Amino acid sequence: MPHHRETAPNFRLRHWASRLVLLVAGVSVVATSQVRSADVFSAPYTGQPVTLTAEAPRVTLPLVVGVTASKSPDKQAEALMRVKLTVRWTPEDPSQTKAGPILRASLLGNGTQLSGPEAATSPLVAGQPLPMDVLVSHSRNCELGKRCQWTSDLRLELESQGAAGTVEVAWTATAQAHVVGTSSTPEGFTVTVSEP
């Protein structure tokens, strides 16, 4: 009997490992089934820090990913944007020990979340900045002539629980893009992130 107790977890582990191998193989087939150019990256774009309070607990920041080419292959372009956040909480009462609020962040494209789940911090602690990432992908709904452009909304929201105070969010956005249907990068292919 002890033999069965020892092998049961191993069997389950092998079962999940084999499923993972099949999943990775399936993703690899999908990823390699379409020819695409190499990814081109934007310069980082750092926006003004945002301050949130219980009285003003949410903000939406529109962001634009732009892709241009001086000579276009007239193919579909795809882009991915990532926003890195640093979240810092300052309690209203510096002597308080109660846990701070929770910040939720998401990136939405065209009003719907396209990729990457909503991110949330653990309850914030005074003097301990927390990093977090959110991302959104933009599918091939843009045929690259001279320019493709996608708009996303970075949404930040405080949950009302926790001690009173202010939350400051510093953020930097970067994007990467490629063209589908060709392995060569178009002439003059550039990627930018900006606010409208």
C-alpha atoms as a PDB file:
ATOM      1  CA  MET A   1       0.000   0.000   0.000  1.00  0.00           C
ATOM      2  CA  PRO A   2       2.694   2.570   0.748  1.00  0.00           C
ATOM      3  CA  HIS A   3       3.923   2.006  -2.785  1.00  0.00           C
ATOM      4  CA  HIS A   4       0.589   3.257  -4.191  1.00  0.00           C
ATOM      5  CA  ARG A   5       0.626   6.298  -1.930  1.00  0.00           C
ATOM      6  CA  GLU A   6       4.051   7.245  -3.246  1.00  0.00           C
ATOM      7  CA  THR A   7       3.264   6.702  -6.919  1.00  0.00           C
ATOM      8  CA  ALA A   8      -0.142   8.415  -7.034  1.00  0.00           C
ATOM      9  CA  PRO A   9       1.328  11.958  -6.893  1.00  0.00           C
ATOM     10  CA  ASN A  10       3.959  10.924  -9.429  1.00  0.00           C
ATOM     11  CA  PHE A  11       1.239   9.637 -11.770  1.00  0.00           C
ATOM     12  CA  ARG A  12      -0.673  12.908 -11.442  1.00  0.00           C
ATOM     13  CA  LEU A  13       2.523  14.868 -12.022  1.00  0.00           C
ATOM     14  CA  ARG A  14       3.331  12.856 -15.164  1.00  0.00           C
ATOM     15  CA  HIS A  15      -0.276  13.281 -16.361  1.00  0.00           C
ATOM     16  CA  TRP A  16      -0.098  17.095 -16.022  1.00  0.00           C
ATOM     17  CA  ALA A  17       3.414  17.211 -17.470  1.00  0.00           C
ATOM     18  CA  SER A  18       2.249  15.314 -20.571  1.00  0.00           C
ATOM     19  CA  ARG A  19      -0.719  17.670 -20.951  1.00  0.00           C
ATOM     20  CA  LEU A  20       1.639  20.666 -20.646  1.00  0.00           C
ATOM     21  CA  VAL A  21       3.923  19.227 -23.345  1.00  0.00           C
ATOM     22  CA  LEU A  22       0.923  18.808 -25.664  1.00  0.00           C
ATOM     23  CA  LEU A  23      -0.269  22.341 -24.920  1.00  0.00           C
ATOM     24  CA  VAL A  24       3.167  23.860 -25.618  1.00  0.00           C
ATOM     25  CA  ALA A  25       3.446  21.826 -28.824  1.00  0.00           C
ATOM     26  CA  GLY A  26       0.011  23.051 -29.945  1.00  0.00           C
ATOM     27  CA  VAL A  27       0.938  26.676 -29.229  1.00  0.00           C
ATOM     28  CA  SER A  28       4.204  26.227 -31.142  1.00  0.00           C
ATOM     29  CA  VAL A  29       2.346  24.921 -34.188  1.00  0.00           C
ATOM     30  CA  VAL A  30      -0.024  27.902 -34.135  1.00  0.00           C
ATOM     31  CA  ALA A  31       2.848  30.358 -33.561  1.00  0.00           C
ATOM     32  CA  THR A  32       4.935  29.002 -36.426  1.00  0.00           C
ATOM     33  CA  SER A  33       2.069  28.423 -38.869  1.00  0.00           C
ATOM     34  CA  GLN A  34       2.000  32.102 -39.866  1.00  0.00           C
ATOM     35  CA  VAL A  35       4.928  33.999 -41.325  1.00  0.00           C
ATOM     36  CA  ARG A  36       5.539  37.356 -39.668  1.00  0.00           C
ATOM     37  CA  SER A  37       8.254  39.975 -39.498  1.00  0.00           C
ATOM     38  CA  ALA A  38      10.452  40.446 -36.440  1.00  0.00           C
ATOM     39  CA  ASP A  39       9.019  42.580 -33.631  1.00  0.00           C
ATOM     40  CA  VAL A  40      10.030  46.239 -33.609  1.00  0.00           C
ATOM     41  CA  PHE A  41       9.905  47.998 -30.217  1.00  0.00           C
ATOM     42  CA  SER A  42       8.943  51.564 -29.329  1.00  0.00           C
ATOM     43  CA  ALA A  43      10.905  53.856 -27.069  1.00  0.00           C
ATOM     44  CA  PRO A  44       9.437  53.863 -23.536  1.00  0.00           C
ATOM     45  CA  TYR A  45       6.762  56.513 -22.971  1.00  0.00           C
ATOM     46  CA  THR A  46       6.512  57.822 -19.399  1.00  0.00           C
ATOM     47  CA  GLY A  47       3.372  59.756 -18.556  1.00  0.00           C
ATOM     48  CA  GLN A  48       2.580  62.079 -15.677  1.00  0.00           C
ATOM     49  CA  PRO A  49       2.099  60.222 -12.360  1.00  0.00           C
ATOM     50  CA  VAL A  50      -1.528  59.771 -11.307  1.00  0.00           C
ATOM     51  CA  THR A  51      -2.865  60.392  -7.783  1.00  0.00           C
ATOM     52  CA  LEU A  52      -5.923  58.511  -6.493  1.00  0.00           C
ATOM     53  CA  THR A  53      -7.873  59.036  -3.252  1.00  0.00           C
ATOM     54  CA  ALA A  54     -11.111  57.768  -1.707  1.00  0.00           C
ATOM     55  CA  GLU A  55     -12.791  60.913  -3.092  1.00  0.00           C
ATOM     56  CA  ALA A  56     -11.320  60.393  -6.589  1.00  0.00           C
ATOM     57  CA  PRO A  57     -10.791  56.601  -6.726  1.00  0.00           C
ATOM     58  CA  ARG A  58     -10.568  56.017 -10.479  1.00  0.00           C
ATOM     59  CA  VAL A  59      -8.982  57.407 -13.625  1.00  0.00           C
ATOM     60  CA  THR A  60      -8.867  56.389 -17.299  1.00  0.00           C
ATOM     61  CA  LEU A  61      -5.867  57.336 -19.431  1.00  0.00           C
ATOM     62  CA  PRO A  62      -6.135  56.942 -23.227  1.00  0.00           C
ATOM     63  CA  LEU A  63      -2.967  55.666 -24.909  1.00  0.00           C
ATOM     64  CA  VAL A  64      -2.173  55.352 -28.610  1.00  0.00           C
ATOM     65  CA  VAL A  65       0.088  52.827 -30.342  1.00  0.00           C
ATOM     66  CA  GLY A  66       1.166  54.021 -33.784  1.00  0.00           C
ATOM     67  CA  VAL A  67       2.963  52.005 -36.463  1.00  0.00           C
ATOM     68  CA  THR A  68       4.365  53.652 -39.580  1.00  0.00           C
ATOM     69  CA  ALA A  69       6.299  52.459 -42.624  1.00  0.00           C
ATOM     70  CA  SER A  70       7.918  54.476 -45.386  1.00  0.00           C
ATOM     71  CA  LYS A  71       7.364  51.600 -47.798  1.00  0.00           C
ATOM     72  CA  SER A  72       4.402  49.374 -47.019  1.00  0.00           C
ATOM     73  CA  PRO A  73       3.895  45.728 -47.974  1.00  0.00           C
ATOM     74  CA  ASP A  74       0.099  46.250 -47.604  1.00  0.00           C
ATOM     75  CA  LYS A  75      -0.123  43.504 -44.999  1.00  0.00           C
ATOM     76  CA  GLN A  76      -1.941  43.309 -41.679  1.00  0.00           C
ATOM     77  CA  ALA A  77      -0.089  44.675 -38.651  1.00  0.00           C
ATOM     78  CA  GLU A  78      -0.354  43.490 -35.041  1.00  0.00           C
ATOM     79  CA  ALA A  79       0.809  45.243 -31.887  1.00  0.00           C
ATOM     80  CA  LEU A  80       1.191  44.571 -28.170  1.00  0.00           C
ATOM     81  CA  MET A  81       1.361  47.286 -25.514  1.00  0.00           C
ATOM     82  CA  ARG A  82       2.636  46.801 -21.971  1.00  0.00           C
ATOM     83  CA  VAL A  83       2.342  49.320 -19.132  1.00  0.00           C
ATOM     84  CA  LYS A  84       4.615  49.015 -16.107  1.00  0.00           C
ATOM     85  CA  LEU A  85       3.272  50.671 -12.957  1.00  0.00           C
ATOM     86  CA  THR A  86       4.848  51.564  -9.631  1.00  0.00           C
ATOM     87  CA  VAL A  87       2.205  52.047  -6.928  1.00  0.00           C
ATOM     88  CA  ARG A  88       2.971  53.986  -3.719  1.00  0.00           C
ATOM     89  CA  TRP A  89       0.558  54.586  -0.821  1.00  0.00           C
ATOM     90  CA  THR A  90       0.819  57.431   1.711  1.00  0.00           C
ATOM     91  CA  PRO A  91      -1.646  57.130   4.630  1.00  0.00           C
ATOM     92  CA  GLU A  92      -3.529  60.204   5.785  1.00  0.00           C
ATOM     93  CA  ASP A  93      -2.440  59.437   9.361  1.00  0.00           C
ATOM     94  CA  PRO A  94       1.284  58.555   9.346  1.00  0.00           C
ATOM     95  CA  SER A  95       0.952  56.670  12.660  1.00  0.00           C
ATOM     96  CA  GLN A  96      -1.804  54.313  11.502  1.00  0.00           C
ATOM     97  CA  THR A  97      -1.077  50.594  11.081  1.00  0.00           C
ATOM     98  CA  LYS A  98      -4.199  49.487   9.208  1.00  0.00           C
ATOM     99  CA  ALA A  99      -3.636  47.976   5.742  1.00  0.00           C
ATOM    100  CA  GLY A 100      -3.941  50.346   2.814  1.00  0.00           C
ATOM    101  CA  PRO A 101      -6.241  50.139  -0.211  1.00  0.00           C
ATOM    102  CA  ILE A 102      -5.996  47.785  -3.200  1.00  0.00           C
ATOM    103  CA  LEU A 103      -5.367  49.173  -6.689  1.00  0.00           C
ATOM    104  CA  ARG A 104      -6.832  47.465  -9.762  1.00  0.00           C
ATOM    105  CA  ALA A 105      -5.410  48.165 -13.219  1.00  0.00           C
ATOM    106  CA  SER A 106      -6.392  47.032 -16.713  1.00  0.00           C
ATOM    107  CA  LEU A 107      -5.694  47.923 -20.324  1.00  0.00           C
ATOM    108  CA  LEU A 108      -8.671  47.902 -22.652  1.00  0.00           C
ATOM    109  CA  GLY A 109      -8.708  48.312 -26.416  1.00  0.00           C
ATOM    110  CA  ASN A 110     -11.813  49.612 -28.198  1.00  0.00           C
ATOM    111  CA  GLY A 111     -13.790  49.368 -24.951  1.00  0.00           C
ATOM    112  CA  THR A 112     -13.094  45.671 -24.371  1.00  0.00           C
ATOM    113  CA  GLN A 113     -10.230  43.961 -22.616  1.00  0.00           C
ATOM    114  CA  LEU A 114      -8.317  42.174 -25.373  1.00  0.00           C
ATOM    115  CA  SER A 115      -5.461  40.460 -23.588  1.00  0.00           C
ATOM    116  CA  GLY A 116      -4.049  40.070 -20.136  1.00  0.00           C
ATOM    117  CA  PRO A 117      -6.211  39.870 -17.025  1.00  0.00           C
ATOM    118  CA  GLU A 118      -6.894  42.777 -14.746  1.00  0.00           C
ATOM    119  CA  ALA A 119      -4.023  43.192 -12.313  1.00  0.00           C
ATOM    120  CA  ALA A 120      -4.515  43.975  -8.632  1.00  0.00           C
ATOM    121  CA  THR A 121      -2.114  44.780  -5.822  1.00  0.00           C
ATOM    122  CA  SER A 122      -2.225  43.217  -2.408  1.00  0.00           C
ATOM    123  CA  PRO A 123      -3.283  45.739   0.264  1.00  0.00           C
ATOM    124  CA  LEU A 124      -0.763  48.550  -0.013  1.00  0.00           C
ATOM    125  CA  VAL A 125       1.725  49.227   2.775  1.00  0.00           C
ATOM    126  CA  ALA A 126       3.065  52.710   3.502  1.00  0.00           C
ATOM    127  CA  GLY A 127       6.664  53.149   2.358  1.00  0.00           C
ATOM    128  CA  GLN A 128       6.664  49.979   0.231  1.00  0.00           C
ATOM    129  CA  PRO A 129       6.167  50.756  -3.489  1.00  0.00           C
ATOM    130  CA  LEU A 130       4.700  47.876  -5.495  1.00  0.00           C
ATOM    131  CA  PRO A 131       5.398  47.147  -9.179  1.00  0.00           C
ATOM    132  CA  MET A 132       2.709  45.767 -11.498  1.00  0.00           C
ATOM    133  CA  ASP A 133       2.245  45.128 -15.243  1.00  0.00           C
ATOM    134  CA  VAL A 134      -0.766  45.200 -17.561  1.00  0.00           C
ATOM    135  CA  LEU A 135      -0.833  44.546 -21.302  1.00  0.00           C
ATOM    136  CA  VAL A 136      -3.158  44.582 -24.292  1.00  0.00           C
ATOM    137  CA  SER A 137      -2.786  43.055 -27.749  1.00  0.00           C
ATOM    138  CA  HIS A 138      -4.140  44.608 -30.941  1.00  0.00           C
ATOM    139  CA  SER A 139      -5.076  42.117 -33.611  1.00  0.00           C
ATOM    140  CA  ARG A 140      -4.851  42.425 -37.371  1.00  0.00           C
ATOM    141  CA  ASN A 141      -7.675  44.886 -37.869  1.00  0.00           C
ATOM    142  CA  CYS A 142      -5.324  47.358 -39.515  1.00  0.00           C
ATOM    143  CA  GLU A 143      -3.822  46.970 -42.962  1.00  0.00           C
ATOM    144  CA  LEU A 144      -0.513  48.771 -42.987  1.00  0.00           C
ATOM    145  CA  GLY A 145      -0.475  51.415 -45.682  1.00  0.00           C
ATOM    146  CA  LYS A 146       1.616  54.226 -44.286  1.00  0.00           C
ATOM    147  CA  ARG A 147       0.210  54.082 -40.729  1.00  0.00           C
ATOM    148  CA  CYS A 148      -1.742  51.900 -38.297  1.00  0.00           C
ATOM    149  CA  GLN A 149      -3.073  53.253 -35.020  1.00  0.00           C
ATOM    150  CA  TRP A 150      -4.778  51.651 -32.029  1.00  0.00           C
ATOM    151  CA  THR A 151      -6.197  53.357 -28.928  1.00  0.00           C
ATOM    152  CA  SER A 152      -6.338  51.694 -25.507  1.00  0.00           C
ATOM    153  CA  ASP A 153      -7.559  52.852 -22.120  1.00  0.00           C
ATOM    154  CA  LEU A 154      -5.419  52.361 -19.034  1.00  0.00           C
ATOM    155  CA  ARG A 155      -7.936  52.105 -16.187  1.00  0.00           C
ATOM    156  CA  LEU A 156      -6.869  52.507 -12.574  1.00  0.00           C
ATOM    157  CA  GLU A 157      -9.260  52.092  -9.652  1.00  0.00           C
ATOM    158  CA  LEU A 158      -8.915  51.994  -5.868  1.00  0.00           C
ATOM    159  CA  GLU A 159     -11.017  49.615  -3.829  1.00  0.00           C
ATOM    160  CA  SER A 160     -12.669  51.487  -0.983  1.00  0.00           C
ATOM    161  CA  GLN A 161     -11.340  49.221   1.790  1.00  0.00           C
ATOM    162  CA  GLY A 162      -8.263  50.168   3.781  1.00  0.00           C
ATOM    163  CA  ALA A 163      -7.118  53.250   5.618  1.00  0.00           C
ATOM    164  CA  ALA A 164      -7.500  56.737   4.138  1.00  0.00           C
ATOM    165  CA  GLY A 165      -4.650  58.263   2.200  1.00  0.00           C
ATOM    166  CA  THR A 166      -3.360  58.884  -1.319  1.00  0.00           C
ATOM    167  CA  VAL A 167      -2.058  56.426  -3.881  1.00  0.00           C
ATOM    168  CA  GLU A 168       0.451  57.659  -6.450  1.00  0.00           C
ATOM    169  CA  VAL A 169       0.914  55.632  -9.627  1.00  0.00           C
ATOM    170  CA  ALA A 170       3.975  56.165 -11.818  1.00  0.00           C
ATOM    171  CA  TRP A 171       3.718  54.483 -15.209  1.00  0.00           C
ATOM    172  CA  THR A 172       5.679  53.778 -18.378  1.00  0.00           C
ATOM    173  CA  ALA A 173       4.256  52.257 -21.581  1.00  0.00           C
ATOM    174  CA  THR A 174       6.087  50.396 -24.345  1.00  0.00           C
ATOM    175  CA  ALA A 175       4.800  48.708 -27.489  1.00  0.00           C
ATOM    176  CA  GLN A 176       6.020  46.193 -30.025  1.00  0.00           C
ATOM    177  CA  ALA A 177       4.596  45.434 -33.465  1.00  0.00           C
ATOM    178  CA  HIS A 178       5.133  43.225 -36.506  1.00  0.00           C
ATOM    179  CA  VAL A 179       3.571  42.572 -39.901  1.00  0.00           C
ATOM    180  CA  VAL A 180       1.841  39.283 -40.703  1.00  0.00           C
ATOM    181  CA  GLY A 181       2.379  37.556 -44.027  1.00  0.00           C
ATOM    182  CA  THR A 182       6.010  38.544 -44.594  1.00  0.00           C
ATOM    183  CA  SER A 183       9.256  37.633 -42.846  1.00  0.00           C
ATOM    184  CA  SER A 184      10.975  40.905 -43.721  1.00  0.00           C
ATOM    185  CA  THR A 185      10.501  44.093 -41.722  1.00  0.00           C
ATOM    186  CA  PRO A 186       9.010  46.863 -43.907  1.00  0.00           C
ATOM    187  CA  GLU A 187      11.243  49.801 -44.808  1.00  0.00           C
ATOM    188  CA  GLY A 188      11.062  52.596 -42.248  1.00  0.00           C
ATOM    189  CA  PHE A 189       8.935  50.507 -39.827  1.00  0.00           C
ATOM    190  CA  THR A 190       8.614  52.383 -36.523  1.00  0.00           C
ATOM    191  CA  VAL A 191       6.465  51.927 -33.417  1.00  0.00           C
ATOM    192  CA  THR A 192       5.436  54.710 -31.008  1.00  0.00           C
ATOM    193  CA  VAL A 193       3.362  55.075 -27.832  1.00  0.00           C
ATOM    194  CA  SER A 194       1.756  58.402 -26.937  1.00  0.00           C
ATOM    195  CA  GLU A 195      -1.227  60.066 -25.317  1.00  0.00           C
ATOM    196  CA  PRO A 196      -3.771  61.609 -27.715  1.00  0.00           C
END
